[in-house]
Amino acid sequence: MNFPGFVLAYHGCDRAVGERILSGADHVRVSDNMHDWLGPGAYFWENSPERALAWANFLHENPRYVQTPVKNPFVVGAIIVPGRCLDLTESRCLTILRDTYQEFVATMENAESSLPTNEKGHSRDEDLVKRYLDCAVINFLHLIRQERSLPSFETLRGAFFEGGPLFPGAGIAEKTHIQWCVRNPQRSVLGYFRPLPGWED
């Protein structure tokens, strides 16, 4: 579960926020919504400045989805040292999360509480982008590892098959991507960088 080397990933944000990060005055903000796909942390797109910019453009066009408006969409690159990583493209990590779900279900039943469910973010959402269940299970995993004095996961990595088929009959989704969740950017981000002009071409 130790992810070797480092990863180049990208974060979409407002230009003013991005310039502050690039100046060294700040890190990418940690998100802590109950529906975050990989739990609380700073979110990045692996190897895809285009996808990060598309996200920033989406927030610019849909300000109701963000606390601080994105006036000028912008991309910041990051060098991430994953360390101990819950990599959800890897069999062992998937087994850990599945076992955690079973324990979470038992805990909720004992507490006579209902399980959260993944939900639509809007009327045409077929991807259930509000991942209340997934986030709750991941948070439960972090909690029980802490309680049992097990090493904590510093980062999480997940592949998401989002959007409709890329072409008729395809098993490939049009918004497939790999996302990183960095729980503590101060510890796991080695540095930030400005992508050179021309990557959009």
N, C-alpha and C. Protein backbone atom coordinates (compact mmCIF):
# COMPACT_ATOMS: atom_id res chain seq x y z
N MET A 1 0.82 -1.21 0.00
CA MET A 1 0.00 0.00 0.00
C MET A 1 0.85 1.26 0.00
N ASN A 2 2.19 1.07 0.09
CA ASN A 2 3.06 2.22 -0.07
C ASN A 2 3.22 2.48 -1.56
N PHE A 3 2.79 3.65 -1.99
CA PHE A 3 2.80 4.00 -3.40
C PHE A 3 4.17 4.57 -3.73
N PRO A 4 4.94 3.93 -4.61
CA PRO A 4 6.32 4.38 -4.85
C PRO A 4 6.40 5.68 -5.65
N GLY A 5 7.48 6.39 -5.45
CA GLY A 5 7.75 7.58 -6.26
C GLY A 5 6.82 8.74 -5.96
N PHE A 6 6.54 9.51 -7.00
CA PHE A 6 5.66 10.66 -6.85
C PHE A 6 4.69 10.69 -8.03
N VAL A 7 3.67 11.54 -7.91
CA VAL A 7 2.61 11.65 -8.91
C VAL A 7 2.45 13.10 -9.31
N LEU A 8 2.24 13.35 -10.60
CA LEU A 8 1.88 14.69 -11.07
C LEU A 8 0.36 14.73 -11.21
N ALA A 9 -0.25 15.68 -10.55
CA ALA A 9 -1.70 15.80 -10.57
C ALA A 9 -2.08 17.27 -10.63
N TYR A 10 -3.35 17.54 -10.88
CA TYR A 10 -3.78 18.91 -11.17
C TYR A 10 -5.07 19.24 -10.43
N HIS A 11 -5.16 20.51 -10.05
CA HIS A 11 -6.30 21.01 -9.28
C HIS A 11 -6.89 22.21 -10.01
N GLY A 12 -8.20 22.19 -10.21
CA GLY A 12 -8.88 23.30 -10.84
C GLY A 12 -9.45 24.25 -9.80
N CYS A 13 -9.26 25.55 -10.01
CA CYS A 13 -9.68 26.53 -9.02
C CYS A 13 -9.80 27.91 -9.68
N ASP A 14 -10.05 28.93 -8.89
CA ASP A 14 -10.02 30.31 -9.36
C ASP A 14 -8.57 30.78 -9.48
N ARG A 15 -8.29 31.64 -10.44
CA ARG A 15 -6.92 32.09 -10.65
C ARG A 15 -6.32 32.75 -9.40
N ALA A 16 -7.11 33.56 -8.70
CA ALA A 16 -6.58 34.22 -7.50
C ALA A 16 -6.16 33.19 -6.46
N VAL A 17 -6.95 32.15 -6.31
CA VAL A 17 -6.61 31.08 -5.37
C VAL A 17 -5.35 30.36 -5.85
N GLY A 18 -5.31 30.05 -7.15
CA GLY A 18 -4.16 29.35 -7.71
C GLY A 18 -2.87 30.13 -7.58
N GLU A 19 -2.92 31.43 -7.82
CA GLU A 19 -1.72 32.25 -7.70
C GLU A 19 -1.22 32.29 -6.26
N ARG A 20 -2.16 32.30 -5.32
CA ARG A 20 -1.76 32.28 -3.91
C ARG A 20 -1.07 30.96 -3.55
N ILE A 21 -1.58 29.87 -4.09
CA ILE A 21 -0.95 28.57 -3.87
C ILE A 21 0.43 28.53 -4.49
N LEU A 22 0.55 29.01 -5.73
CA LEU A 22 1.84 29.00 -6.42
C LEU A 22 2.87 29.90 -5.74
N SER A 23 2.41 30.92 -5.05
CA SER A 23 3.34 31.82 -4.34
C SER A 23 3.90 31.20 -3.07
N GLY A 24 3.30 30.08 -2.65
CA GLY A 24 3.72 29.44 -1.41
C GLY A 24 2.96 29.91 -0.19
N ALA A 25 1.97 30.79 -0.40
CA ALA A 25 1.22 31.33 0.73
C ALA A 25 0.14 30.37 1.23
N ASP A 26 -0.19 29.37 0.44
CA ASP A 26 -1.30 28.50 0.83
C ASP A 26 -1.15 27.15 0.14
N HIS A 27 -1.96 26.17 0.59
CA HIS A 27 -2.07 24.87 -0.05
C HIS A 27 -3.47 24.75 -0.65
N VAL A 28 -3.66 23.73 -1.47
CA VAL A 28 -5.00 23.42 -1.95
C VAL A 28 -5.89 23.14 -0.75
N ARG A 29 -7.08 23.73 -0.76
CA ARG A 29 -8.00 23.62 0.38
C ARG A 29 -8.46 22.18 0.55
N VAL A 30 -8.55 21.74 1.80
CA VAL A 30 -9.09 20.42 2.13
C VAL A 30 -10.62 20.51 2.12
N SER A 31 -11.24 19.64 1.35
CA SER A 31 -12.70 19.56 1.30
C SER A 31 -13.18 18.54 2.32
N ASP A 32 -14.27 18.85 3.00
CA ASP A 32 -14.79 17.96 4.04
C ASP A 32 -16.31 17.86 3.95
N ASN A 33 -16.80 17.63 2.72
CA ASN A 33 -18.23 17.44 2.53
C ASN A 33 -18.60 15.99 2.85
N MET A 34 -19.83 15.77 3.27
CA MET A 34 -20.30 14.43 3.58
C MET A 34 -20.48 13.57 2.34
N HIS A 35 -20.37 14.18 1.15
CA HIS A 35 -20.57 13.44 -0.09
C HIS A 35 -19.30 13.36 -0.94
N ASP A 36 -18.14 13.76 -0.39
CA ASP A 36 -16.90 13.71 -1.16
C ASP A 36 -16.57 12.26 -1.55
N TRP A 37 -16.19 12.06 -2.80
CA TRP A 37 -16.03 10.71 -3.35
C TRP A 37 -15.02 9.86 -2.60
N LEU A 38 -13.94 10.47 -2.14
CA LEU A 38 -12.88 9.73 -1.46
C LEU A 38 -12.68 10.21 -0.02
N GLY A 39 -13.71 10.82 0.55
CA GLY A 39 -13.59 11.32 1.91
C GLY A 39 -12.91 12.68 1.96
N PRO A 40 -12.62 13.16 3.17
CA PRO A 40 -12.05 14.50 3.32
C PRO A 40 -10.61 14.57 2.82
N GLY A 41 -10.29 15.68 2.15
CA GLY A 41 -8.93 15.88 1.67
C GLY A 41 -8.91 16.90 0.54
N ALA A 42 -7.72 17.18 0.06
CA ALA A 42 -7.54 18.04 -1.11
C ALA A 42 -7.59 17.16 -2.35
N TYR A 43 -8.34 17.59 -3.36
CA TYR A 43 -8.61 16.75 -4.53
C TYR A 43 -7.83 17.20 -5.76
N PHE A 44 -7.32 16.20 -6.49
CA PHE A 44 -6.52 16.43 -7.69
C PHE A 44 -6.91 15.41 -8.77
N TRP A 45 -6.70 15.80 -10.03
CA TRP A 45 -6.89 14.91 -11.18
C TRP A 45 -5.53 14.40 -11.61
N GLU A 46 -5.37 13.09 -11.70
CA GLU A 46 -4.08 12.52 -12.08
C GLU A 46 -3.80 12.75 -13.56
N ASN A 47 -2.63 13.34 -13.87
CA ASN A 47 -2.13 13.49 -15.24
C ASN A 47 -3.10 14.17 -16.18
N SER A 48 -3.96 15.06 -15.67
CA SER A 48 -4.97 15.64 -16.56
C SER A 48 -5.26 17.10 -16.23
N PRO A 49 -4.42 18.01 -16.70
CA PRO A 49 -4.75 19.43 -16.52
C PRO A 49 -6.04 19.80 -17.23
N GLU A 50 -6.34 19.10 -18.35
CA GLU A 50 -7.58 19.38 -19.08
C GLU A 50 -8.80 19.12 -18.20
N ARG A 51 -8.77 18.01 -17.48
CA ARG A 51 -9.92 17.65 -16.63
C ARG A 51 -10.03 18.63 -15.46
N ALA A 52 -8.90 19.06 -14.93
CA ALA A 52 -8.92 20.04 -13.85
C ALA A 52 -9.50 21.36 -14.34
N LEU A 53 -9.13 21.77 -15.54
CA LEU A 53 -9.68 23.02 -16.09
C LEU A 53 -11.17 22.87 -16.38
N ALA A 54 -11.58 21.71 -16.87
CA ALA A 54 -13.01 21.48 -17.12
C ALA A 54 -13.81 21.60 -15.83
N TRP A 55 -13.25 21.11 -14.74
CA TRP A 55 -13.92 21.22 -13.44
C TRP A 55 -14.01 22.67 -13.00
N ALA A 56 -12.92 23.43 -13.17
CA ALA A 56 -12.94 24.84 -12.81
C ALA A 56 -13.96 25.60 -13.66
N ASN A 57 -14.05 25.25 -14.95
CA ASN A 57 -15.05 25.88 -15.83
C ASN A 57 -16.47 25.53 -15.38
N PHE A 58 -16.67 24.28 -14.97
CA PHE A 58 -17.99 23.87 -14.47
C PHE A 58 -18.39 24.69 -13.25
N LEU A 59 -17.46 24.88 -12.33
CA LEU A 59 -17.75 25.67 -11.13
C LEU A 59 -18.00 27.14 -11.49
N HIS A 60 -17.28 27.63 -12.49
CA HIS A 60 -17.49 29.00 -12.96
C HIS A 60 -18.91 29.17 -13.50
N GLU A 61 -19.38 28.16 -14.22
CA GLU A 61 -20.70 28.24 -14.84
C GLU A 61 -21.82 27.83 -13.89
N ASN A 62 -21.47 27.17 -12.78
CA ASN A 62 -22.47 26.69 -11.82
C ASN A 62 -22.05 27.09 -10.40
N PRO A 63 -22.09 28.37 -10.08
CA PRO A 63 -21.58 28.85 -8.79
C PRO A 63 -22.32 28.29 -7.58
N ARG A 64 -23.51 27.72 -7.77
CA ARG A 64 -24.25 27.18 -6.63
C ARG A 64 -23.56 25.96 -6.02
N TYR A 65 -22.60 25.37 -6.75
CA TYR A 65 -21.93 24.16 -6.26
C TYR A 65 -20.65 24.46 -5.48
N VAL A 66 -20.32 25.73 -5.29
CA VAL A 66 -19.07 26.07 -4.63
C VAL A 66 -19.28 27.23 -3.67
N GLN A 67 -18.53 27.22 -2.55
CA GLN A 67 -18.67 28.28 -1.55
C GLN A 67 -18.08 29.59 -2.05
N THR A 68 -16.91 29.51 -2.67
CA THR A 68 -16.24 30.71 -3.20
C THR A 68 -16.33 30.69 -4.72
N PRO A 69 -16.89 31.73 -5.35
CA PRO A 69 -17.06 31.72 -6.80
C PRO A 69 -15.74 31.57 -7.55
N VAL A 70 -15.79 30.83 -8.65
CA VAL A 70 -14.64 30.71 -9.55
C VAL A 70 -14.85 31.72 -10.68
N LYS A 71 -14.18 32.88 -10.56
CA LYS A 71 -14.35 33.95 -11.53
C LYS A 71 -13.49 33.74 -12.78
N ASN A 72 -12.31 33.19 -12.57
CA ASN A 72 -11.36 33.01 -13.65
C ASN A 72 -10.77 31.60 -13.55
N PRO A 73 -11.32 30.62 -14.28
CA PRO A 73 -10.86 29.24 -14.15
C PRO A 73 -9.36 29.10 -14.39
N PHE A 74 -8.74 28.26 -13.58
CA PHE A 74 -7.27 28.19 -13.52
C PHE A 74 -6.87 26.78 -13.10
N VAL A 75 -5.64 26.39 -13.43
CA VAL A 75 -5.13 25.06 -13.08
C VAL A 75 -3.79 25.19 -12.36
N VAL A 76 -3.66 24.46 -11.27
CA VAL A 76 -2.40 24.37 -10.52
C VAL A 76 -1.92 22.92 -10.59
N GLY A 77 -0.66 22.72 -10.92
CA GLY A 77 -0.07 21.39 -10.88
C GLY A 77 0.50 21.11 -9.50
N ALA A 78 0.55 19.84 -9.14
CA ALA A 78 1.09 19.44 -7.83
C ALA A 78 1.95 18.20 -7.97
N ILE A 79 3.02 18.16 -7.19
CA ILE A 79 3.86 16.97 -7.09
C ILE A 79 3.49 16.30 -5.77
N ILE A 80 2.85 15.15 -5.87
CA ILE A 80 2.33 14.46 -4.69
C ILE A 80 3.22 13.26 -4.36
N VAL A 81 3.60 13.14 -3.10
CA VAL A 81 4.29 11.96 -2.59
C VAL A 81 3.24 11.14 -1.85
N PRO A 82 2.70 10.09 -2.47
CA PRO A 82 1.52 9.41 -1.91
C PRO A 82 1.73 8.74 -0.56
N GLY A 83 2.92 8.19 -0.31
CA GLY A 83 3.14 7.50 0.95
C GLY A 83 2.22 6.30 1.08
N ARG A 84 1.61 6.13 2.25
CA ARG A 84 0.67 5.02 2.47
C ARG A 84 -0.65 5.40 1.79
N CYS A 85 -0.97 4.67 0.74
CA CYS A 85 -2.08 5.06 -0.13
C CYS A 85 -3.14 3.96 -0.18
N LEU A 86 -4.40 4.35 -0.01
CA LEU A 86 -5.52 3.44 -0.27
C LEU A 86 -5.84 3.58 -1.76
N ASP A 87 -5.25 2.70 -2.55
CA ASP A 87 -5.37 2.77 -4.00
C ASP A 87 -6.51 1.86 -4.43
N LEU A 88 -7.64 2.46 -4.81
CA LEU A 88 -8.83 1.69 -5.13
C LEU A 88 -8.83 1.16 -6.57
N THR A 89 -7.64 1.12 -7.18
CA THR A 89 -7.47 0.36 -8.41
C THR A 89 -6.68 -0.92 -8.12
N GLU A 90 -6.40 -1.18 -6.85
CA GLU A 90 -5.55 -2.29 -6.43
C GLU A 90 -6.37 -3.26 -5.57
N SER A 91 -6.24 -4.55 -5.84
CA SER A 91 -7.10 -5.58 -5.24
C SER A 91 -7.08 -5.57 -3.72
N ARG A 92 -5.91 -5.47 -3.12
CA ARG A 92 -5.81 -5.53 -1.66
C ARG A 92 -6.56 -4.38 -1.01
N CYS A 93 -6.44 -3.20 -1.59
CA CYS A 93 -7.12 -2.03 -1.02
C CYS A 93 -8.64 -2.14 -1.19
N LEU A 94 -9.08 -2.69 -2.31
CA LEU A 94 -10.52 -2.89 -2.50
C LEU A 94 -11.07 -3.87 -1.47
N THR A 95 -10.30 -4.90 -1.15
CA THR A 95 -10.72 -5.85 -0.13
C THR A 95 -10.83 -5.18 1.23
N ILE A 96 -9.86 -4.32 1.56
CA ILE A 96 -9.90 -3.59 2.82
C ILE A 96 -11.18 -2.76 2.92
N LEU A 97 -11.51 -2.06 1.83
CA LEU A 97 -12.69 -1.19 1.87
C LEU A 97 -13.99 -2.00 1.92
N ARG A 98 -14.04 -3.13 1.21
CA ARG A 98 -15.23 -3.98 1.26
C ARG A 98 -15.43 -4.54 2.67
N ASP A 99 -14.35 -4.99 3.32
CA ASP A 99 -14.45 -5.50 4.69
C ASP A 99 -14.88 -4.40 5.65
N THR A 100 -14.40 -3.19 5.40
CA THR A 100 -14.79 -2.05 6.24
C THR A 100 -16.27 -1.77 6.10
N TYR A 101 -16.78 -1.89 4.89
CA TYR A 101 -18.22 -1.69 4.67
C TYR A 101 -19.03 -2.67 5.51
N GLN A 102 -18.64 -3.93 5.55
CA GLN A 102 -19.38 -4.93 6.34
C GLN A 102 -19.37 -4.56 7.82
N GLU A 103 -18.24 -4.10 8.31
CA GLU A 103 -18.15 -3.68 9.71
C GLU A 103 -18.98 -2.42 9.96
N PHE A 104 -18.99 -1.53 8.97
CA PHE A 104 -19.80 -0.31 9.08
C PHE A 104 -21.28 -0.65 9.15
N VAL A 105 -21.72 -1.58 8.32
CA VAL A 105 -23.13 -2.02 8.33
C VAL A 105 -23.49 -2.56 9.70
N ALA A 106 -22.65 -3.44 10.26
CA ALA A 106 -22.92 -4.02 11.58
C ALA A 106 -22.98 -2.94 12.65
N THR A 107 -22.09 -1.97 12.57
CA THR A 107 -22.08 -0.88 13.55
C THR A 107 -23.34 -0.05 13.46
N MET A 108 -23.78 0.24 12.26
CA MET A 108 -25.00 1.03 12.07
C MET A 108 -26.22 0.24 12.54
N GLU A 109 -26.25 -1.06 12.30
CA GLU A 109 -27.37 -1.88 12.77
C GLU A 109 -27.43 -1.91 14.29
N ASN A 110 -26.28 -2.03 14.93
CA ASN A 110 -26.24 -2.03 16.40
C ASN A 110 -26.71 -0.70 16.97
N ALA A 111 -26.45 0.36 16.24
CA ALA A 111 -26.87 1.70 16.69
C ALA A 111 -28.29 2.02 16.24
N GLU A 112 -28.91 1.05 15.53
CA GLU A 112 -30.27 1.24 14.99
C GLU A 112 -30.35 2.51 14.13
N SER A 113 -29.31 2.69 13.33
CA SER A 113 -29.25 3.83 12.41
C SER A 113 -29.30 3.32 10.97
N SER A 114 -29.87 4.11 10.09
CA SER A 114 -29.95 3.72 8.69
C SER A 114 -28.66 4.08 7.96
N LEU A 115 -28.34 3.29 6.94
CA LEU A 115 -27.15 3.56 6.14
C LEU A 115 -27.37 4.78 5.26
N PRO A 116 -26.35 5.60 5.08
CA PRO A 116 -26.46 6.67 4.07
C PRO A 116 -26.46 6.04 2.68
N THR A 117 -26.92 6.77 1.71
CA THR A 117 -26.95 6.27 0.33
C THR A 117 -26.33 7.30 -0.60
N ASN A 118 -25.73 6.82 -1.66
CA ASN A 118 -25.25 7.72 -2.72
C ASN A 118 -26.47 8.29 -3.44
N GLU A 119 -26.40 9.57 -3.79
CA GLU A 119 -27.57 10.24 -4.35
C GLU A 119 -27.22 11.05 -5.59
N LYS A 120 -28.26 11.39 -6.34
CA LYS A 120 -28.09 12.26 -7.49
C LYS A 120 -27.76 13.68 -7.03
N GLY A 121 -26.91 14.35 -7.80
CA GLY A 121 -26.61 15.74 -7.53
C GLY A 121 -27.53 16.69 -8.27
N HIS A 122 -28.19 16.18 -9.33
CA HIS A 122 -29.15 16.95 -10.10
C HIS A 122 -30.04 15.97 -10.84
N SER A 123 -31.06 16.46 -11.50
CA SER A 123 -32.10 15.60 -12.07
C SER A 123 -31.57 14.65 -13.15
N ARG A 124 -30.53 15.06 -13.89
CA ARG A 124 -30.01 14.23 -14.98
C ARG A 124 -28.77 13.43 -14.58
N ASP A 125 -28.48 13.41 -13.32
CA ASP A 125 -27.28 12.74 -12.81
C ASP A 125 -27.49 11.23 -12.76
N GLU A 126 -26.73 10.49 -13.57
CA GLU A 126 -26.78 9.03 -13.54
C GLU A 126 -25.58 8.42 -12.83
N ASP A 127 -24.69 9.28 -12.34
CA ASP A 127 -23.47 8.80 -11.68
C ASP A 127 -23.55 8.85 -10.16
N LEU A 128 -24.65 9.36 -9.64
CA LEU A 128 -24.82 9.52 -8.18
C LEU A 128 -23.60 10.23 -7.60
N VAL A 129 -23.41 11.46 -8.01
CA VAL A 129 -22.19 12.18 -7.65
C VAL A 129 -22.11 12.58 -6.18
N LYS A 130 -23.22 12.55 -5.49
CA LYS A 130 -23.17 12.80 -4.04
C LYS A 130 -22.97 11.46 -3.34
N ARG A 131 -21.71 11.16 -3.02
CA ARG A 131 -21.34 9.84 -2.54
C ARG A 131 -21.38 9.75 -1.01
N TYR A 132 -22.57 9.90 -0.45
CA TYR A 132 -22.71 9.87 1.00
C TYR A 132 -22.28 8.52 1.60
N LEU A 133 -22.67 7.41 0.96
CA LEU A 133 -22.30 6.10 1.48
C LEU A 133 -20.80 5.86 1.36
N ASP A 134 -20.25 6.10 0.18
CA ASP A 134 -18.82 5.87 -0.03
C ASP A 134 -17.99 6.69 0.96
N CYS A 135 -18.36 7.95 1.12
CA CYS A 135 -17.63 8.84 2.03
C CYS A 135 -17.73 8.34 3.47
N ALA A 136 -18.91 7.90 3.88
CA ALA A 136 -19.11 7.42 5.25
C ALA A 136 -18.26 6.18 5.52
N VAL A 137 -18.19 5.27 4.55
CA VAL A 137 -17.38 4.05 4.74
C VAL A 137 -15.90 4.40 4.82
N ILE A 138 -15.45 5.32 3.98
CA ILE A 138 -14.04 5.73 4.02
C ILE A 138 -13.72 6.43 5.35
N ASN A 139 -14.61 7.29 5.81
CA ASN A 139 -14.38 7.94 7.10
C ASN A 139 -14.35 6.92 8.24
N PHE A 140 -15.21 5.90 8.15
CA PHE A 140 -15.23 4.84 9.16
C PHE A 140 -13.91 4.07 9.14
N LEU A 141 -13.38 3.84 7.94
CA LEU A 141 -12.08 3.17 7.82
C LEU A 141 -10.99 3.97 8.52
N HIS A 142 -10.95 5.27 8.29
CA HIS A 142 -9.94 6.11 8.96
C HIS A 142 -10.11 6.03 10.48
N LEU A 143 -11.35 6.04 10.94
CA LEU A 143 -11.63 6.02 12.38
C LEU A 143 -11.17 4.72 13.02
N ILE A 144 -11.53 3.59 12.43
CA ILE A 144 -11.19 2.32 13.09
C ILE A 144 -9.68 2.07 13.02
N ARG A 145 -9.02 2.54 11.98
CA ARG A 145 -7.56 2.37 11.94
C ARG A 145 -6.90 3.20 13.03
N GLN A 146 -7.44 4.38 13.29
CA GLN A 146 -6.91 5.21 14.37
C GLN A 146 -7.16 4.54 15.72
N GLU A 147 -8.37 4.03 15.92
CA GLU A 147 -8.71 3.39 17.20
C GLU A 147 -7.87 2.15 17.46
N ARG A 148 -7.47 1.46 16.39
CA ARG A 148 -6.71 0.21 16.52
C ARG A 148 -5.21 0.42 16.37
N SER A 149 -4.79 1.67 16.37
CA SER A 149 -3.37 2.04 16.27
C SER A 149 -2.71 1.46 15.02
N LEU A 150 -3.48 1.42 13.93
CA LEU A 150 -2.95 0.99 12.64
C LEU A 150 -2.46 2.22 11.87
N PRO A 151 -1.49 2.04 10.99
CA PRO A 151 -0.99 3.19 10.23
C PRO A 151 -2.12 3.84 9.42
N SER A 152 -2.15 5.14 9.42
CA SER A 152 -3.20 5.86 8.69
C SER A 152 -2.83 5.95 7.21
N PHE A 153 -3.86 6.08 6.39
CA PHE A 153 -3.64 6.33 4.96
C PHE A 153 -3.44 7.83 4.76
N GLU A 154 -2.36 8.16 4.06
CA GLU A 154 -2.05 9.57 3.80
C GLU A 154 -2.76 10.09 2.56
N THR A 155 -2.98 9.19 1.60
CA THR A 155 -3.64 9.56 0.34
C THR A 155 -4.60 8.46 -0.08
N LEU A 156 -5.53 8.81 -0.97
CA LEU A 156 -6.43 7.85 -1.58
C LEU A 156 -6.46 8.09 -3.08
N ARG A 157 -6.62 7.01 -3.84
CA ARG A 157 -6.63 7.09 -5.30
C ARG A 157 -7.79 6.25 -5.82
N GLY A 158 -8.58 6.82 -6.70
CA GLY A 158 -9.72 6.09 -7.23
C GLY A 158 -9.94 6.37 -8.70
N ALA A 159 -10.35 5.33 -9.44
CA ALA A 159 -10.73 5.48 -10.84
C ALA A 159 -12.24 5.59 -10.91
N PHE A 160 -12.74 6.58 -11.62
CA PHE A 160 -14.18 6.83 -11.69
C PHE A 160 -14.63 6.85 -13.14
N PHE A 161 -15.65 6.04 -13.42
CA PHE A 161 -16.21 5.92 -14.77
C PHE A 161 -17.48 6.76 -14.81
N GLU A 162 -17.28 8.02 -15.13
CA GLU A 162 -18.34 9.03 -15.02
C GLU A 162 -18.82 9.43 -16.41
N GLY A 163 -20.10 9.77 -16.50
CA GLY A 163 -20.67 10.20 -17.76
C GLY A 163 -21.20 9.02 -18.57
N GLY A 164 -21.86 9.32 -19.65
CA GLY A 164 -22.41 8.28 -20.51
C GLY A 164 -21.35 7.60 -21.35
N PRO A 165 -21.75 6.61 -22.18
CA PRO A 165 -20.79 5.92 -23.05
C PRO A 165 -20.06 6.90 -23.98
N LEU A 166 -18.79 6.66 -24.20
CA LEU A 166 -17.99 7.53 -25.05
C LEU A 166 -18.48 7.51 -26.50
N PHE A 167 -19.00 6.38 -26.91
CA PHE A 167 -19.63 6.23 -28.23
C PHE A 167 -20.68 5.12 -28.11
N PRO A 168 -21.62 5.02 -29.03
CA PRO A 168 -22.71 4.05 -28.90
C PRO A 168 -22.21 2.62 -28.68
N GLY A 169 -22.70 1.99 -27.62
CA GLY A 169 -22.31 0.62 -27.31
C GLY A 169 -21.02 0.49 -26.55
N ALA A 170 -20.35 1.61 -26.26
CA ALA A 170 -19.04 1.56 -25.59
C ALA A 170 -19.17 1.20 -24.11
N GLY A 171 -18.16 0.51 -23.60
CA GLY A 171 -18.03 0.29 -22.17
C GLY A 171 -17.09 1.30 -21.55
N ILE A 172 -16.70 2.29 -22.31
CA ILE A 172 -15.79 3.35 -21.86
C ILE A 172 -16.62 4.61 -21.63
N ALA A 173 -16.50 5.20 -20.45
CA ALA A 173 -17.29 6.38 -20.12
C ALA A 173 -16.58 7.64 -20.57
N GLU A 174 -17.37 8.66 -20.95
CA GLU A 174 -16.81 9.87 -21.54
C GLU A 174 -16.05 10.74 -20.54
N LYS A 175 -16.29 10.55 -19.24
CA LYS A 175 -15.58 11.36 -18.24
C LYS A 175 -14.74 10.50 -17.29
N THR A 176 -14.27 9.35 -17.79
CA THR A 176 -13.41 8.49 -16.98
C THR A 176 -12.18 9.26 -16.51
N HIS A 177 -11.85 9.11 -15.23
CA HIS A 177 -10.69 9.82 -14.70
C HIS A 177 -10.16 9.12 -13.45
N ILE A 178 -8.95 9.49 -13.09
CA ILE A 178 -8.36 9.04 -11.83
C ILE A 178 -8.20 10.25 -10.94
N GLN A 179 -8.69 10.11 -9.73
CA GLN A 179 -8.68 11.23 -8.79
C GLN A 179 -7.84 10.87 -7.56
N TRP A 180 -7.20 11.86 -7.03
CA TRP A 180 -6.42 11.72 -5.80
C TRP A 180 -7.05 12.56 -4.69
N CYS A 181 -7.08 12.00 -3.51
CA CYS A 181 -7.47 12.73 -2.30
C CYS A 181 -6.27 12.75 -1.37
N VAL A 182 -5.76 13.92 -1.09
CA VAL A 182 -4.60 14.09 -0.22
C VAL A 182 -5.10 14.59 1.12
N ARG A 183 -4.97 13.77 2.15
CA ARG A 183 -5.57 14.10 3.43
C ARG A 183 -4.87 15.26 4.13
N ASN A 184 -3.56 15.35 3.95
CA ASN A 184 -2.81 16.45 4.57
C ASN A 184 -1.84 17.01 3.54
N PRO A 185 -2.26 18.05 2.78
CA PRO A 185 -1.38 18.58 1.72
C PRO A 185 -0.04 19.06 2.23
N GLN A 186 0.01 19.59 3.45
CA GLN A 186 1.28 20.08 3.99
C GLN A 186 2.32 18.96 4.09
N ARG A 187 1.85 17.73 4.27
CA ARG A 187 2.76 16.60 4.41
C ARG A 187 3.02 15.89 3.09
N SER A 188 2.00 15.81 2.23
CA SER A 188 2.07 14.94 1.06
C SER A 188 2.33 15.65 -0.26
N VAL A 189 2.20 16.97 -0.29
CA VAL A 189 2.49 17.72 -1.53
C VAL A 189 3.90 18.28 -1.44
N LEU A 190 4.76 17.81 -2.34
CA LEU A 190 6.15 18.24 -2.33
C LEU A 190 6.30 19.65 -2.87
N GLY A 191 5.44 20.01 -3.83
CA GLY A 191 5.49 21.34 -4.40
C GLY A 191 4.38 21.54 -5.41
N TYR A 192 4.16 22.79 -5.77
CA TYR A 192 3.17 23.15 -6.79
C TYR A 192 3.89 23.76 -7.99
N PHE A 193 3.25 23.69 -9.15
CA PHE A 193 3.87 24.27 -10.34
C PHE A 193 2.79 24.80 -11.28
N ARG A 194 3.24 25.69 -12.17
CA ARG A 194 2.36 26.28 -13.18
C ARG A 194 2.58 25.51 -14.50
N PRO A 195 1.55 24.85 -15.02
CA PRO A 195 1.71 24.18 -16.31
C PRO A 195 2.13 25.17 -17.39
N LEU A 196 3.05 24.77 -18.24
CA LEU A 196 3.54 25.66 -19.29
C LEU A 196 2.45 25.91 -20.32
N PRO A 197 2.47 27.06 -20.98
CA PRO A 197 1.48 27.32 -22.04
C PRO A 197 1.58 26.27 -23.14
N GLY A 198 0.43 25.95 -23.73
CA GLY A 198 0.41 25.02 -24.84
C GLY A 198 -0.16 23.66 -24.51
N TRP A 199 -0.34 23.34 -23.21
CA TRP A 199 -0.87 22.01 -22.88
C TRP A 199 -2.32 21.87 -23.33
N GLU A 200 -3.02 22.99 -23.56
CA GLU A 200 -4.42 22.92 -24.01
C GLU A 200 -4.51 22.49 -25.46
N ASP A 201 -3.40 22.60 -26.23
CA ASP A 201 -3.43 22.32 -27.67
C ASP A 201 -3.54 20.83 -27.94
